[in-house]
Amino acid sequence: MIFKALSNEARRQILEWLKHPEHFGPQIYLPKDANFKGGICVGSIQAKTGLTQSVVSSYLSMMQKAGLLESRRYGQWTYYRRNEQLLREFTEYMRNEL
């Protein structure tokens, strides 16, 4: 599933952008006491991509199901961030096994 998620250029771009979440600006609806550092709202990701929210949501859902992203919901907003542990493990697998 990881390979399928990474087969789309827009999904790879989103993953790359999420590596530096500060480029999205402050996430004003993320509660200050939320323990979800680096989380970016779907709306911020959608605005940066220029794609429709439904397309971005489906891309994010696919990447989450593949384990590449983690998500958390606060009120009506859903935030995503990279799953750095899985990305490290996947990178090691690629380096050592393929």
C-alpha atoms as a PDB file:
ATOM      1  CA  MET A   1       0.000   0.000   0.000  1.00  0.00           C
ATOM      2  CA  ILE A   2       2.943   2.359   0.643  1.00  0.00           C
ATOM      3  CA  PHE A   3       4.160   2.027  -2.936  1.00  0.00           C
ATOM      4  CA  LYS A   4       0.688   2.786  -4.273  1.00  0.00           C
ATOM      5  CA  ALA A   5       0.382   5.848  -2.039  1.00  0.00           C
ATOM      6  CA  LEU A   6       3.768   7.098  -3.238  1.00  0.00           C
ATOM      7  CA  SER A   7       2.971   6.461  -6.913  1.00  0.00           C
ATOM      8  CA  ASN A   8       1.146   9.784  -7.234  1.00  0.00           C
ATOM      9  CA  GLU A   9       3.192  12.970  -7.587  1.00  0.00           C
ATOM     10  CA  ALA A  10       0.720  15.123  -5.634  1.00  0.00           C
ATOM     11  CA  ARG A  11       0.728  12.683  -2.689  1.00  0.00           C
ATOM     12  CA  ARG A  12       4.545  12.654  -2.687  1.00  0.00           C
ATOM     13  CA  GLN A  13       4.515  16.470  -2.756  1.00  0.00           C
ATOM     14  CA  ILE A  14       2.157  16.622   0.232  1.00  0.00           C
ATOM     15  CA  LEU A  15       4.404  14.229   2.147  1.00  0.00           C
ATOM     16  CA  GLU A  16       7.407  16.389   1.300  1.00  0.00           C
ATOM     17  CA  TRP A  17       5.630  19.597   2.373  1.00  0.00           C
ATOM     18  CA  LEU A  18       4.626  18.003   5.674  1.00  0.00           C
ATOM     19  CA  LYS A  19       8.311  17.403   6.387  1.00  0.00           C
ATOM     20  CA  HIS A  20       8.503  21.165   7.081  1.00  0.00           C
ATOM     21  CA  PRO A  21       5.097  22.037   8.577  1.00  0.00           C
ATOM     22  CA  GLU A  22       6.195  25.588   9.415  1.00  0.00           C
ATOM     23  CA  HIS A  23       5.716  26.454   5.720  1.00  0.00           C
ATOM     24  CA  PHE A  24       1.954  26.144   6.205  1.00  0.00           C
ATOM     25  CA  GLY A  25       1.863  28.939   8.779  1.00  0.00           C
ATOM     26  CA  PRO A  26       0.215  28.848  12.187  1.00  0.00           C
ATOM     27  CA  GLN A  27      -2.575  26.342  12.677  1.00  0.00           C
ATOM     28  CA  ILE A  28      -4.976  28.630  14.518  1.00  0.00           C
ATOM     29  CA  TYR A  29      -7.605  25.996  15.312  1.00  0.00           C
ATOM     30  CA  LEU A  30      -5.165  23.487  16.751  1.00  0.00           C
ATOM     31  CA  PRO A  31      -5.571  23.741  20.535  1.00  0.00           C
ATOM     32  CA  LYS A  32      -2.484  25.051  22.308  1.00  0.00           C
ATOM     33  CA  ASP A  33      -2.518  22.056  24.655  1.00  0.00           C
ATOM     34  CA  ALA A  34      -2.829  19.560  21.779  1.00  0.00           C
ATOM     35  CA  ASN A  35      -0.053  16.999  21.758  1.00  0.00           C
ATOM     36  CA  PHE A  36       0.161  16.840  17.965  1.00  0.00           C
ATOM     37  CA  LYS A  37       3.264  18.794  16.998  1.00  0.00           C
ATOM     38  CA  GLY A  38       3.573  19.348  13.262  1.00  0.00           C
ATOM     39  CA  GLY A  39      -0.109  18.683  12.596  1.00  0.00           C
ATOM     40  CA  ILE A  40      -1.496  20.569   9.611  1.00  0.00           C
ATOM     41  CA  CYS A  41      -5.195  21.137   8.934  1.00  0.00           C
ATOM     42  CA  VAL A  42      -6.709  19.622   5.794  1.00  0.00           C
ATOM     43  CA  GLY A  43      -7.766  23.105   4.691  1.00  0.00           C
ATOM     44  CA  SER A  44      -4.166  24.369   4.821  1.00  0.00           C
ATOM     45  CA  ILE A  45      -2.974  21.388   2.789  1.00  0.00           C
ATOM     46  CA  GLN A  46      -5.801  21.870   0.299  1.00  0.00           C
ATOM     47  CA  ALA A  47      -4.982  25.555  -0.126  1.00  0.00           C
ATOM     48  CA  LYS A  48      -1.324  24.789  -0.832  1.00  0.00           C
ATOM     49  CA  THR A  49      -2.108  22.070  -3.381  1.00  0.00           C
ATOM     50  CA  GLY A  50      -4.819  23.960  -5.235  1.00  0.00           C
ATOM     51  CA  LEU A  51      -6.757  20.705  -5.535  1.00  0.00           C
ATOM     52  CA  THR A  52     -10.330  20.261  -4.365  1.00  0.00           C
ATOM     53  CA  GLN A  53     -10.867  19.379  -0.732  1.00  0.00           C
ATOM     54  CA  SER A  54     -12.420  16.024  -1.663  1.00  0.00           C
ATOM     55  CA  VAL A  55      -9.332  15.038  -3.688  1.00  0.00           C
ATOM     56  CA  VAL A  56      -6.963  16.154  -0.933  1.00  0.00           C
ATOM     57  CA  SER A  57      -9.025  14.325   1.682  1.00  0.00           C
ATOM     58  CA  SER A  58      -8.918  11.117  -0.348  1.00  0.00           C
ATOM     59  CA  TYR A  59      -5.141  11.474  -0.822  1.00  0.00           C
ATOM     60  CA  LEU A  60      -4.615  12.044   2.903  1.00  0.00           C
ATOM     61  CA  SER A  61      -6.853   9.107   3.783  1.00  0.00           C
ATOM     62  CA  MET A  62      -4.921   6.823   1.447  1.00  0.00           C
ATOM     63  CA  MET A  63      -1.583   7.916   2.909  1.00  0.00           C
ATOM     64  CA  GLN A  64      -2.921   7.418   6.426  1.00  0.00           C
ATOM     65  CA  LYS A  65      -4.144   3.907   5.605  1.00  0.00           C
ATOM     66  CA  ALA A  66      -0.677   3.160   4.207  1.00  0.00           C
ATOM     67  CA  GLY A  67       0.782   4.325   7.534  1.00  0.00           C
ATOM     68  CA  LEU A  68       2.622   7.323   6.067  1.00  0.00           C
ATOM     69  CA  LEU A  69       0.519   9.863   7.970  1.00  0.00           C
ATOM     70  CA  GLU A  70      -1.022  10.184  11.399  1.00  0.00           C
ATOM     71  CA  SER A  71      -4.188  12.175  11.975  1.00  0.00           C
ATOM     72  CA  ARG A  72      -6.037  13.708  14.846  1.00  0.00           C
ATOM     73  CA  ARG A  73      -9.376  15.480  14.971  1.00  0.00           C
ATOM     74  CA  TYR A  74     -10.010  18.570  17.080  1.00  0.00           C
ATOM     75  CA  GLY A  75     -13.576  19.811  16.847  1.00  0.00           C
ATOM     76  CA  GLN A  76     -14.476  20.053  13.172  1.00  0.00           C
ATOM     77  CA  TRP A  77     -10.849  20.136  11.994  1.00  0.00           C
ATOM     78  CA  THR A  78      -8.656  17.181  11.125  1.00  0.00           C
ATOM     79  CA  TYR A  79      -4.888  17.545  11.277  1.00  0.00           C
ATOM     80  CA  TYR A  80      -2.279  15.381   9.610  1.00  0.00           C
ATOM     81  CA  ARG A  81       1.421  14.902  10.129  1.00  0.00           C
ATOM     82  CA  ARG A  82       4.054  12.511   8.852  1.00  0.00           C
ATOM     83  CA  ASN A  83       4.549   9.202  10.617  1.00  0.00           C
ATOM     84  CA  GLU A  84       8.301   9.625  10.978  1.00  0.00           C
ATOM     85  CA  GLN A  85       8.836   6.208  12.577  1.00  0.00           C
ATOM     86  CA  LEU A  86       7.234   4.354   9.671  1.00  0.00           C
ATOM     87  CA  LEU A  87       9.091   6.531   7.164  1.00  0.00           C
ATOM     88  CA  ARG A  88      12.424   5.669   8.833  1.00  0.00           C
ATOM     89  CA  GLU A  89      11.569   1.967   8.830  1.00  0.00           C
ATOM     90  CA  PHE A  90      10.485   2.093   5.193  1.00  0.00           C
ATOM     91  CA  THR A  91      13.668   3.928   4.219  1.00  0.00           C
ATOM     92  CA  GLU A  92      15.767   1.294   6.005  1.00  0.00           C
ATOM     93  CA  TYR A  93      13.833  -1.475   4.283  1.00  0.00           C
ATOM     94  CA  MET A  94      14.417   0.128   0.886  1.00  0.00           C
ATOM     95  CA  ARG A  95      18.107   0.634   1.626  1.00  0.00           C
ATOM     96  CA  ASN A  96      18.752  -2.871   2.941  1.00  0.00           C
ATOM     97  CA  GLU A  97      16.310  -5.132   1.143  1.00  0.00           C
ATOM     98  CA  LEU A  98      15.866  -3.764  -2.361  1.00  0.00           C
END
